[in-house]
Amino acid sequence: MSWLSRLNPRGPGSRSNRSAAPSSPCTADPETCLMVFENHWRQVSWVLEQRDTSSSSDDLTAVRNNTDQMLCLLAEERPAESADSGSCGAPIGPILELVITENILERLVQWHVRRGLDPDSQGALLKLFEMLIGQSQQPLLQHTAVLHPLLRLLGACADPELGCPPALENSLVLLLNQVCVSMARQPVVLEMLFHAAPAQQGSTNLLIFSLLVPFIHRDGAIGQQARDALLLVMAASASHEAVARYIAENSYFCPVLATGLSALYSSLPRKIEVRGDDWHALRREDWMGVSSLVLFMNSLEFCNAVVQVVHPVVRSQLLDYLHNGFLVPVMGPALHKSSVDEMIASTAYLDLFLRSITETSLLRTFLRFILLHCHDNDTILDTLLTRISSNSRLCMVSLSLFRTLLSLNCEDVMLQLILRFLLPCTHVMLSQRRAIRETDMYGKSANKFLSLIPECCRLNAAASAERDEDNPFWSKVLNNPSTEAPAPPRHSTPSRLSFFMRQ
């Protein structure tokens, strides 16, 4: 889907902040850049090595200014062409080698945390790491000297006491989005994130994922970036059994996604303003101006995309939560409201949802709810069928829903909407009904098939006689196809609907 192709983070601040950052001398030779980097690092390390934890504002300003220059040089550095390699086995530049050797980023983050991570310092570090990961010419996250300080900073953002102020949520989500993009391009990063030491991630095994979950249903660009990032994690976990098990068993992703849809549905308008007498369904131009419905459709589209790419373990749990946490407790009562306007709105919403879903397993969950779930001893489908003879607007909306159901070409829908009314043959004249209603479909059909055997393919008379002695009934069928002999006992065949119910 289009979700998977949007790897680059979006948002107005993602480029403007970078353009405001100090430009690095990218045209200079690597030796000169390394000398400049070492000069800045000497000034920073002098402050970091001071034992006094109550550093002055001048020290903080000096550390920030020099750190900006250092990380810009690191981001612009290209991999070395020599045979020197780092921990990931690929050639690295001299600046990155110095960062790894001196453990520079870890010492910087520890110094900020030790002196008290105020919102200004926290926001500056988030933006620096986002710039570093987004603009770097080298796979930085494959090095623990870069990954562990990042996780320590994110762990501080997830801390219940410190947390992340609302003003910094945009910077946090943008950084998480960049990390997920790098993880999608470099699968080894997911393995490193999942098996990182608890000291960096706290009690969770996948801190990046845990920080993104609260933003699933957020409105605006921040929510879209969070959903894009989560979808990249889901796609990466499809081939990683341990990560999928963690998401299904140790995270709140599936419950939050399902119950969030319930909360979003409760905010939808209970009455739809129609434009004409021939209105019968919600089109895109009808709901694009309704902010609450736009937000719900974005979340439903995200559910559809997740079900498409996720590991089967997570998919099964998510579909179960959607059925039992959204469809049954929310959509069921909504379709049985006493107000005609509310019934029209809920039916039109259900029609819109079915037309928007493309993933087969998610569509099957909605059909299971419509065909099998009972509300007040009647299935949802039976309730909808009774509205055909009701108010004209409600009848038109219900017929539009039936047209959507029939367009799915589902056998179970065809059976419940059409065939079950035709099978009793009450629409046929009494004189013709006996010829149509076949009482023994299986036995006579077998006789008819056997009667089509050509004479040249039949066994000779001797073999037939011998077979007659062993099985007189079979001989009778072969020699006299028109004879209506009693059929042998047969096993009962379960109905198609009960088979669907077991699925």
Protein backbone atom coordinates (compact mmCIF):
# COMPACT_ATOMS: atom_id res chain seq x y z
CA MET A 1 0.00 0.00 0.00
CA SER A 2 0.90 3.63 -0.13
CA TRP A 3 1.70 3.53 3.57
CA LEU A 4 4.79 1.42 3.01
CA SER A 5 6.21 3.74 0.35
CA ARG A 6 6.15 6.76 2.62
CA LEU A 7 9.43 6.12 4.36
CA ASN A 8 10.56 9.73 4.69
CA PRO A 9 9.17 11.56 7.72
CA ARG A 10 6.81 14.40 7.14
CA GLY A 11 6.05 17.57 8.99
CA PRO A 12 6.88 21.21 8.57
CA GLY A 13 9.57 21.11 11.20
CA SER A 14 11.57 18.28 9.72
CA ARG A 15 13.33 20.41 7.11
CA SER A 16 13.16 23.87 8.57
CA ASN A 17 14.96 22.81 11.74
CA ARG A 18 17.72 21.23 9.71
CA SER A 19 18.19 24.28 7.57
CA ALA A 20 18.57 26.34 10.72
CA ALA A 21 21.31 24.06 12.05
CA PRO A 22 24.92 25.20 11.59
CA SER A 23 26.25 24.11 8.24
CA SER A 24 29.27 21.86 8.27
CA PRO A 25 32.27 22.30 6.00
CA CYS A 26 31.29 19.36 3.80
CA THR A 27 33.68 20.54 1.09
CA ALA A 28 36.69 20.29 3.40
CA ASP A 29 38.89 17.22 3.46
CA PRO A 30 38.27 14.58 6.16
CA GLU A 31 41.42 15.49 8.06
CA THR A 32 40.31 19.10 8.45
CA CYS A 33 36.85 18.05 9.56
CA LEU A 34 38.36 15.66 12.09
CA MET A 35 40.58 18.43 13.49
CA VAL A 36 37.59 20.76 13.87
CA PHE A 37 35.58 17.98 15.54
CA GLU A 38 38.42 17.22 17.99
CA ASN A 39 38.68 20.89 18.87
CA HIS A 40 34.98 21.09 19.74
CA TRP A 41 35.18 17.82 21.65
CA ARG A 42 38.06 19.10 23.81
CA GLN A 43 35.93 22.05 24.88
CA VAL A 44 32.97 19.84 25.64
CA SER A 45 34.96 17.17 27.47
CA TRP A 46 36.49 19.81 29.73
CA VAL A 47 32.99 20.69 30.95
CA LEU A 48 31.88 17.08 31.21
CA GLU A 49 34.84 16.10 33.36
CA GLN A 50 34.11 18.71 36.00
CA ARG A 51 32.90 17.10 39.22
CA ASP A 52 30.51 19.89 40.09
CA THR A 53 27.04 18.73 39.07
CA SER A 54 25.52 22.20 39.42
CA SER A 55 27.06 23.51 36.22
CA SER A 56 26.40 27.08 35.22
CA SER A 57 24.31 28.29 32.33
CA ASP A 58 27.51 29.27 30.51
CA ASP A 59 28.69 25.65 30.64
CA LEU A 60 25.34 24.46 29.29
CA THR A 61 25.49 26.97 26.45
CA ALA A 62 29.04 25.97 25.58
CA VAL A 63 28.13 22.29 25.53
CA ARG A 64 25.10 22.91 23.32
CA ASN A 65 26.95 25.08 20.81
CA ASN A 66 29.88 22.72 20.49
CA THR A 67 27.61 19.68 20.36
CA ASP A 68 25.66 21.21 17.47
CA GLN A 69 28.85 21.66 15.47
CA MET A 70 30.10 18.16 16.33
CA LEU A 71 26.93 16.34 15.33
CA CYS A 72 26.63 18.32 12.10
CA LEU A 73 30.16 17.22 11.18
CA LEU A 74 29.27 13.62 12.07
CA ALA A 75 26.06 13.74 10.00
CA GLU A 76 27.86 15.06 6.91
CA GLU A 77 30.73 12.60 7.11
CA ARG A 78 30.82 9.92 4.43
CA PRO A 79 32.02 6.35 4.99
CA ALA A 80 35.75 5.88 4.67
CA GLU A 81 37.06 4.25 1.51
CA SER A 82 39.80 2.42 3.39
CA ALA A 83 39.59 -1.05 4.87
CA ASP A 84 39.02 0.29 8.40
CA SER A 85 35.74 -0.99 9.75
CA GLY A 86 33.71 -0.65 12.88
CA SER A 87 31.53 -3.02 14.82
CA CYS A 88 29.05 -3.41 11.96
CA GLY A 89 31.76 -4.60 9.58
CA ALA A 90 31.45 -1.69 7.14
CA PRO A 91 34.02 1.09 6.59
CA ILE A 92 33.43 4.12 8.81
CA GLY A 93 34.74 7.66 8.77
CA PRO A 94 37.34 8.97 11.22
CA ILE A 95 34.82 11.15 13.09
CA LEU A 96 32.47 8.22 13.70
CA GLU A 97 35.43 6.13 14.78
CA LEU A 98 36.32 8.80 17.35
CA VAL A 99 32.71 8.94 18.55
CA ILE A 100 32.75 5.18 19.07
CA THR A 101 36.16 5.10 20.71
CA GLU A 102 35.49 7.97 23.12
CA ASN A 103 31.83 7.01 23.67
CA ILE A 104 30.99 10.66 23.10
CA LEU A 105 27.21 10.47 22.72
CA GLU A 106 26.80 8.32 25.82
CA ARG A 107 28.81 10.78 27.89
CA LEU A 108 26.81 13.72 26.55
CA VAL A 109 23.45 12.18 27.39
CA GLN A 110 24.62 11.05 30.82
CA TRP A 111 25.83 14.57 31.60
CA HIS A 112 22.46 16.09 30.67
CA VAL A 113 20.55 13.48 32.69
CA ARG A 114 22.84 13.89 35.71
CA ARG A 115 22.43 17.66 35.86
CA GLY A 116 18.66 17.40 35.38
CA LEU A 117 17.09 17.03 31.97
CA ASP A 118 15.05 20.23 31.66
CA PRO A 119 12.62 20.63 28.71
CA ASP A 120 15.04 22.87 26.80
CA SER A 121 17.88 20.35 26.99
CA GLN A 122 15.51 17.47 26.27
CA GLY A 123 14.14 19.20 23.17
CA ALA A 124 17.62 20.11 21.94
CA LEU A 125 18.81 16.52 22.27
CA LEU A 126 15.73 15.16 20.48
CA LYS A 127 16.28 17.52 17.55
CA LEU A 128 20.00 16.74 17.40
CA PHE A 129 19.43 12.98 17.29
CA GLU A 130 16.68 13.43 14.69
CA MET A 131 19.03 15.49 12.52
CA LEU A 132 21.85 13.02 13.05
CA ILE A 133 19.80 9.93 12.09
CA GLY A 134 17.93 11.61 9.26
CA GLN A 135 20.91 13.24 7.54
CA SER A 136 23.73 10.82 8.31
CA GLN A 137 25.58 9.28 5.38
CA GLN A 138 26.46 6.23 7.49
CA PRO A 139 24.35 3.54 9.22
CA LEU A 140 24.79 5.03 12.70
CA LEU A 141 22.17 2.96 14.49
CA GLN A 142 24.13 -0.21 13.80
CA HIS A 143 26.69 1.02 16.35
CA THR A 144 25.90 0.62 20.03
CA ALA A 145 27.81 3.84 20.75
CA VAL A 146 24.98 5.66 18.97
CA LEU A 147 22.04 3.35 19.71
CA HIS A 148 22.42 3.12 23.49
CA PRO A 149 22.58 6.90 24.11
CA LEU A 150 19.50 7.28 21.93
CA LEU A 151 17.64 4.66 23.96
CA ARG A 152 18.75 6.32 27.19
CA LEU A 153 17.29 9.62 25.98
CA LEU A 154 14.05 7.94 24.90
CA GLY A 155 13.92 6.14 28.23
CA ALA A 156 13.99 9.51 29.94
CA CYS A 157 11.07 10.60 27.75
CA ALA A 158 9.14 7.50 28.85
CA ASP A 159 9.95 8.03 32.53
CA PRO A 160 6.74 8.59 34.56
CA GLU A 161 8.30 11.41 36.56
CA LEU A 162 10.11 13.28 33.80
CA GLY A 163 8.09 12.28 30.77
CA CYS A 164 7.82 14.28 27.58
CA PRO A 165 6.13 17.70 27.75
CA PRO A 166 3.35 18.25 25.19
CA ALA A 167 5.48 20.91 23.50
CA LEU A 168 8.11 18.27 22.69
CA GLU A 169 5.77 15.53 21.43
CA ASN A 170 6.24 16.60 17.82
CA SER A 171 10.04 16.34 18.13
CA LEU A 172 9.73 12.97 19.87
CA VAL A 173 7.44 11.44 17.23
CA LEU A 174 9.60 12.84 14.42
CA LEU A 175 12.68 11.20 15.96
CA LEU A 176 10.83 7.89 16.43
CA ASN A 177 9.69 8.06 12.83
CA GLN A 178 13.29 8.49 11.66
CA VAL A 179 14.40 5.53 13.77
CA CYS A 180 11.66 3.33 12.25
CA VAL A 181 12.64 4.42 8.74
CA SER A 182 16.24 3.41 9.45
CA MET A 183 15.00 0.15 10.94
CA ALA A 184 13.01 -0.62 7.77
CA ARG A 185 16.07 0.03 5.61
CA GLN A 186 18.43 -1.83 7.94
CA PRO A 187 16.71 -4.93 9.42
CA VAL A 188 19.62 -5.54 11.78
CA VAL A 189 18.57 -2.43 13.71
CA LEU A 190 15.31 -4.11 14.79
CA GLU A 191 17.29 -7.02 16.22
CA MET A 192 19.55 -4.62 18.11
CA LEU A 193 16.60 -2.59 19.41
CA PHE A 194 14.78 -5.68 20.62
CA HIS A 195 17.78 -7.15 22.42
CA ALA A 196 19.14 -3.90 23.85
CA ALA A 197 20.07 -3.96 27.54
CA PRO A 198 17.25 -3.15 30.02
CA ALA A 199 19.34 -0.26 31.34
CA GLN A 200 18.69 1.58 28.09
CA GLN A 201 15.03 0.62 27.57
CA GLY A 202 13.68 0.15 31.07
CA SER A 203 11.13 -2.62 31.57
CA THR A 204 10.14 -2.86 27.91
CA ASN A 205 11.88 -4.83 25.17
CA LEU A 206 10.91 -2.43 22.41
CA LEU A 207 10.93 1.12 23.72
CA ILE A 208 10.45 2.67 20.28
CA PHE A 209 7.18 0.80 19.87
CA SER A 210 5.89 1.59 23.37
CA LEU A 211 6.44 5.32 22.89
CA LEU A 212 4.53 5.34 19.59
CA VAL A 213 1.40 3.49 20.74
CA PRO A 214 -0.18 6.47 22.61
CA PHE A 215 -0.14 8.50 19.38
CA ILE A 216 -2.06 5.95 17.24
CA HIS A 217 -5.29 7.93 17.14
CA ARG A 218 -3.81 11.41 17.42
CA ASP A 219 -5.05 13.99 14.96
CA GLY A 220 -2.89 15.94 12.53
CA ALA A 221 0.63 15.38 11.26
CA ILE A 222 1.90 13.98 14.57
CA GLY A 223 -0.66 11.16 14.49
CA GLN A 224 0.06 10.39 10.83
CA GLN A 225 3.82 10.20 11.49
CA ALA A 226 3.22 7.88 14.46
CA ARG A 227 1.00 5.57 12.39
CA ASP A 228 3.53 5.51 9.55
CA ALA A 229 6.28 4.58 12.01
CA LEU A 230 4.17 1.88 13.67
CA LEU A 231 3.33 0.38 10.32
CA LEU A 232 7.03 0.08 9.53
CA VAL A 233 7.51 -1.75 12.83
CA MET A 234 4.63 -4.08 11.98
CA ALA A 235 6.04 -4.82 8.54
CA ALA A 236 9.45 -5.56 10.05
CA SER A 237 7.93 -7.83 12.73
CA ALA A 238 6.22 -9.98 10.08
CA SER A 239 9.44 -11.93 9.66
CA HIS A 240 10.51 -11.73 13.31
CA GLU A 241 8.66 -14.21 15.51
CA ALA A 242 10.00 -12.86 18.82
CA VAL A 243 9.00 -9.27 18.07
CA ALA A 244 5.53 -10.38 16.96
CA ARG A 245 5.08 -12.38 20.17
CA TYR A 246 6.14 -9.36 22.20
CA ILE A 247 3.65 -7.09 20.43
CA ALA A 248 0.81 -9.59 20.90
CA GLU A 249 1.55 -10.65 24.47
CA ASN A 250 3.41 -7.78 26.15
CA SER A 251 2.08 -4.59 24.57
CA TYR A 252 -1.20 -2.71 24.49
CA PHE A 253 -1.14 -2.15 20.73
CA CYS A 254 -4.16 -4.29 19.80
CA PRO A 255 -6.41 -3.15 22.68
CA VAL A 256 -5.51 0.51 22.13
CA LEU A 257 -6.19 0.27 18.41
CA ALA A 258 -9.57 -1.45 18.87
CA THR A 259 -10.85 0.59 21.81
CA GLY A 260 -9.60 3.75 20.14
CA LEU A 261 -11.92 3.03 17.22
CA SER A 262 -14.77 2.75 19.72
CA ALA A 263 -13.94 6.14 21.20
CA LEU A 264 -13.64 7.72 17.77
CA TYR A 265 -16.97 6.25 16.67
CA SER A 266 -18.72 7.74 19.68
CA SER A 267 -17.67 11.21 18.48
CA LEU A 268 -19.22 10.78 15.00
CA PRO A 269 -22.33 12.80 14.15
CA ARG A 270 -25.54 10.99 15.03
CA LYS A 271 -27.42 12.69 12.23
CA ILE A 272 -26.21 13.07 8.66
CA GLU A 273 -27.12 16.19 6.76
CA VAL A 274 -28.26 15.01 3.32
CA ARG A 275 -28.07 17.18 0.21
CA GLY A 276 -30.93 15.77 -1.84
CA ASP A 277 -33.82 13.33 -1.90
CA ASP A 278 -31.80 10.77 -3.84
CA TRP A 279 -29.00 10.58 -1.24
CA HIS A 280 -28.41 7.00 -0.06
CA ALA A 281 -24.68 6.56 0.78
CA LEU A 282 -21.69 8.47 2.13
CA ARG A 283 -19.25 9.47 -0.59
CA ARG A 284 -15.82 10.95 -0.10
CA GLU A 285 -17.02 14.47 -0.75
CA ASP A 286 -19.67 13.97 1.96
CA TRP A 287 -17.31 13.12 4.80
CA MET A 288 -14.05 14.88 3.97
CA GLY A 289 -15.39 18.01 5.66
CA VAL A 290 -16.31 16.15 8.88
CA SER A 291 -13.15 16.15 11.01
CA SER A 292 -14.32 13.39 13.38
CA LEU A 293 -15.15 11.08 10.48
CA VAL A 294 -11.85 11.87 8.75
CA LEU A 295 -9.99 10.89 11.93
CA PHE A 296 -11.97 7.65 12.21
CA MET A 297 -11.35 6.73 8.57
CA ASN A 298 -7.61 7.38 9.01
CA SER A 299 -7.55 4.95 11.94
CA LEU A 300 -9.62 2.38 10.03
CA GLU A 301 -7.28 2.68 7.06
CA PHE A 302 -4.38 2.13 9.44
CA CYS A 303 -6.07 -1.01 10.81
CA ASN A 304 -6.51 -2.27 7.27
CA ALA A 305 -2.83 -1.66 6.50
CA VAL A 306 -1.67 -3.31 9.74
CA VAL A 307 -3.74 -6.43 9.09
CA GLN A 308 -2.23 -6.60 5.62
CA VAL A 309 1.45 -6.59 6.66
CA VAL A 310 1.57 -7.84 10.25
CA HIS A 311 2.60 -11.24 11.57
CA PRO A 312 -0.28 -13.79 11.79
CA VAL A 313 -0.03 -13.86 15.59
CA VAL A 314 -0.68 -10.14 15.86
CA ARG A 315 -3.28 -10.23 13.09
CA SER A 316 -5.36 -12.85 14.87
CA GLN A 317 -5.33 -10.92 18.14
CA LEU A 318 -6.11 -7.60 16.47
CA LEU A 319 -9.09 -9.02 14.59
CA ASP A 320 -10.42 -10.56 17.79
CA TYR A 321 -10.17 -7.22 19.60
CA LEU A 322 -11.85 -5.41 16.71
CA HIS A 323 -14.77 -7.86 16.78
CA ASN A 324 -15.23 -8.03 20.55
CA GLY A 325 -14.05 -4.52 21.42
CA PHE A 326 -15.57 -2.44 18.63
CA LEU A 327 -18.13 -4.21 16.45
CA VAL A 328 -20.12 -6.07 19.10
CA PRO A 329 -20.26 -3.46 21.90
CA VAL A 330 -20.36 -0.33 19.72
CA MET A 331 -21.66 -1.02 16.21
CA GLY A 332 -24.28 -3.51 17.40
CA PRO A 333 -26.18 -1.12 19.69
CA ALA A 334 -25.65 1.76 17.24
CA LEU A 335 -27.52 -0.13 14.51
CA HIS A 336 -30.48 -0.67 16.87
CA LYS A 337 -31.08 2.89 18.01
CA SER A 338 -34.67 4.00 18.37
CA SER A 339 -34.22 7.23 16.41
CA VAL A 340 -34.60 6.93 12.64
CA ASP A 341 -31.86 9.53 12.05
CA GLU A 342 -29.43 7.55 14.20
CA MET A 343 -30.29 4.32 12.40
CA ILE A 344 -29.70 6.01 9.05
CA ALA A 345 -26.34 7.35 10.24
CA SER A 346 -25.11 4.05 11.69
CA THR A 347 -26.18 2.10 8.57
CA ALA A 348 -24.46 4.61 6.29
CA TYR A 349 -21.30 4.42 8.43
CA LEU A 350 -21.26 0.62 8.21
CA ASP A 351 -21.68 0.81 4.45
CA LEU A 352 -18.79 3.27 4.24
CA PHE A 353 -16.56 1.05 6.37
CA LEU A 354 -17.22 -2.00 4.20
CA ARG A 355 -16.45 -0.04 1.02
CA SER A 356 -13.20 1.25 2.51
CA ILE A 357 -11.77 -2.09 3.70
CA THR A 358 -9.58 -3.99 1.25
CA GLU A 359 -7.94 -6.66 3.41
CA THR A 360 -9.79 -9.99 3.24
CA SER A 361 -9.35 -11.05 6.86
CA LEU A 362 -10.61 -7.71 8.18
CA LEU A 363 -13.56 -7.85 5.80
CA ARG A 364 -14.31 -11.36 7.03
CA THR A 365 -14.48 -10.04 10.59
CA PHE A 366 -17.08 -7.44 9.60
CA LEU A 367 -19.12 -10.05 7.71
CA ARG A 368 -18.97 -12.41 10.66
CA PHE A 369 -20.45 -9.64 12.79
CA ILE A 370 -23.23 -8.89 10.30
CA LEU A 371 -24.18 -12.51 9.61
CA LEU A 372 -23.72 -14.22 12.96
CA HIS A 373 -23.92 -11.70 15.79
CA CYS A 374 -27.32 -11.57 17.47
CA HIS A 375 -28.73 -8.47 19.10
CA ASP A 376 -32.02 -8.96 20.92
CA ASN A 377 -32.28 -12.50 19.47
CA ASP A 378 -32.01 -11.27 15.88
CA THR A 379 -28.93 -11.21 13.71
CA ILE A 380 -27.71 -7.86 12.41
CA LEU A 381 -28.63 -8.89 8.88
CA ASP A 382 -32.20 -9.81 9.85
CA THR A 383 -32.59 -6.45 11.55
CA LEU A 384 -31.39 -4.66 8.44
CA LEU A 385 -33.75 -6.68 6.23
CA THR A 386 -36.78 -5.53 8.21
CA ARG A 387 -35.98 -1.92 7.34
CA ILE A 388 -36.58 -2.33 3.62
CA SER A 389 -40.28 -1.60 4.17
CA SER A 390 -39.66 1.25 6.61
CA ASN A 391 -38.99 4.95 6.16
CA SER A 392 -37.96 5.77 2.60
CA ARG A 393 -34.56 7.22 3.54
CA LEU A 394 -33.76 4.32 5.88
CA CYS A 395 -34.85 1.88 3.17
CA MET A 396 -32.54 3.50 0.58
CA VAL A 397 -29.56 3.46 2.93
CA SER A 398 -30.20 -0.19 3.83
CA LEU A 399 -30.47 -1.15 0.15
CA SER A 400 -27.17 0.62 -0.50
CA LEU A 401 -25.60 -1.49 2.25
CA PHE A 402 -27.04 -4.67 0.69
CA ARG A 403 -25.61 -3.69 -2.68
CA THR A 404 -22.19 -3.29 -1.06
CA LEU A 405 -22.54 -6.71 0.58
CA LEU A 406 -23.56 -8.39 -2.67
CA SER A 407 -20.65 -6.77 -4.52
CA LEU A 408 -18.28 -8.71 -2.26
CA ASN A 409 -19.28 -11.97 -4.03
CA CYS A 410 -19.34 -13.85 -0.74
CA GLU A 411 -21.20 -17.19 -0.67
CA ASP A 412 -22.47 -16.66 2.86
CA VAL A 413 -23.92 -13.27 2.00
CA MET A 414 -25.59 -14.71 -1.11
CA LEU A 415 -27.07 -17.52 0.97
CA GLN A 416 -28.49 -15.21 3.63
CA LEU A 417 -29.68 -12.42 1.35
CA ILE A 418 -31.00 -14.39 -1.65
CA LEU A 419 -30.78 -18.17 -1.65
CA ARG A 420 -32.45 -18.85 1.68
CA PHE A 421 -35.56 -17.10 0.41
CA LEU A 422 -35.52 -19.06 -2.85
CA LEU A 423 -34.89 -22.53 -1.44
CA PRO A 424 -38.44 -22.99 0.01
CA CYS A 425 -39.76 -22.30 -3.52
CA THR A 426 -42.68 -20.28 -2.17
CA HIS A 427 -42.40 -18.03 -5.22
CA VAL A 428 -43.16 -20.98 -7.58
CA MET A 429 -46.63 -22.18 -8.55
CA LEU A 430 -47.92 -25.13 -6.55
CA SER A 431 -48.18 -27.29 -9.65
CA GLN A 432 -44.49 -26.74 -10.45
CA ARG A 433 -43.12 -26.83 -6.90
CA ARG A 434 -42.89 -30.63 -6.71
CA ALA A 435 -40.74 -30.80 -9.85
CA ILE A 436 -38.32 -28.21 -8.52
CA ARG A 437 -37.94 -29.28 -4.93
CA GLU A 438 -35.57 -32.25 -5.08
CA THR A 439 -35.91 -34.46 -2.03
CA ASP A 440 -32.84 -36.63 -2.68
CA MET A 441 -30.30 -34.36 -4.32
CA TYR A 442 -27.25 -36.49 -3.56
CA GLY A 443 -28.47 -40.00 -4.43
CA LYS A 444 -30.22 -39.12 -7.70
CA SER A 445 -27.37 -36.91 -8.78
CA ALA A 446 -25.00 -39.87 -8.38
CA ASN A 447 -27.36 -42.03 -10.44
CA LYS A 448 -27.45 -39.45 -13.19
CA PHE A 449 -23.66 -39.23 -13.31
CA LEU A 450 -23.32 -43.01 -13.46
CA SER A 451 -25.85 -43.23 -16.28
CA LEU A 452 -23.55 -41.12 -18.44
CA ILE A 453 -20.96 -43.92 -18.61
CA PRO A 454 -20.71 -45.09 -22.26
CA GLU A 455 -21.52 -48.71 -23.06
CA CYS A 456 -17.96 -49.32 -24.27
CA CYS A 457 -16.61 -48.37 -20.86
CA ARG A 458 -18.88 -50.64 -18.91
CA LEU A 459 -17.55 -53.91 -17.50
CA ASN A 460 -18.33 -57.19 -19.32
CA ALA A 461 -21.24 -59.34 -18.34
CA ALA A 462 -19.15 -61.82 -16.35
CA ALA A 463 -17.60 -59.14 -14.28
CA SER A 464 -21.01 -57.58 -13.90
CA ALA A 465 -22.47 -60.86 -12.68
CA GLU A 466 -19.67 -61.32 -10.19
CA ARG A 467 -20.16 -57.77 -9.01
CA ASP A 468 -23.90 -58.38 -8.74
CA GLU A 469 -23.27 -61.15 -6.26
CA ASP A 470 -21.03 -58.87 -4.18
CA ASN A 471 -23.10 -55.72 -4.37
CA PRO A 472 -26.57 -56.12 -5.83
CA PHE A 473 -27.42 -52.53 -5.20
CA TRP A 474 -24.49 -51.22 -7.27
CA SER A 475 -25.41 -53.52 -10.15
CA LYS A 476 -28.94 -52.32 -10.09
CA VAL A 477 -27.80 -48.74 -10.38
CA LEU A 478 -25.51 -49.45 -13.35
CA ASN A 479 -27.94 -51.62 -15.32
CA ASN A 480 -31.01 -49.51 -14.73
CA PRO A 481 -30.13 -45.82 -14.27
CA SER A 482 -33.73 -44.75 -14.10
CA THR A 483 -34.50 -47.01 -11.19
CA GLU A 484 -35.00 -45.02 -8.02
CA ALA A 485 -33.42 -47.45 -5.61
CA PRO A 486 -33.02 -46.42 -2.01
CA ALA A 487 -29.74 -44.59 -1.55
CA PRO A 488 -27.19 -46.00 0.88
CA PRO A 489 -26.77 -44.16 4.14
CA ARG A 490 -24.74 -40.97 3.76
CA HIS A 491 -23.13 -38.65 6.24
CA SER A 492 -24.89 -35.42 6.89
CA THR A 493 -23.30 -32.46 5.16
CA PRO A 494 -22.89 -29.36 7.36
CA SER A 495 -24.38 -26.17 6.03
CA ARG A 496 -22.14 -23.48 4.59
CA LEU A 497 -23.17 -21.08 7.33
CA SER A 498 -22.07 -23.43 10.11
CA PHE A 499 -18.73 -23.85 8.35
CA PHE A 500 -18.36 -20.07 8.30
CA MET A 501 -19.27 -19.97 11.99
CA ARG A 502 -16.47 -22.38 12.86
CA GLN A 503 -13.97 -20.15 11.04
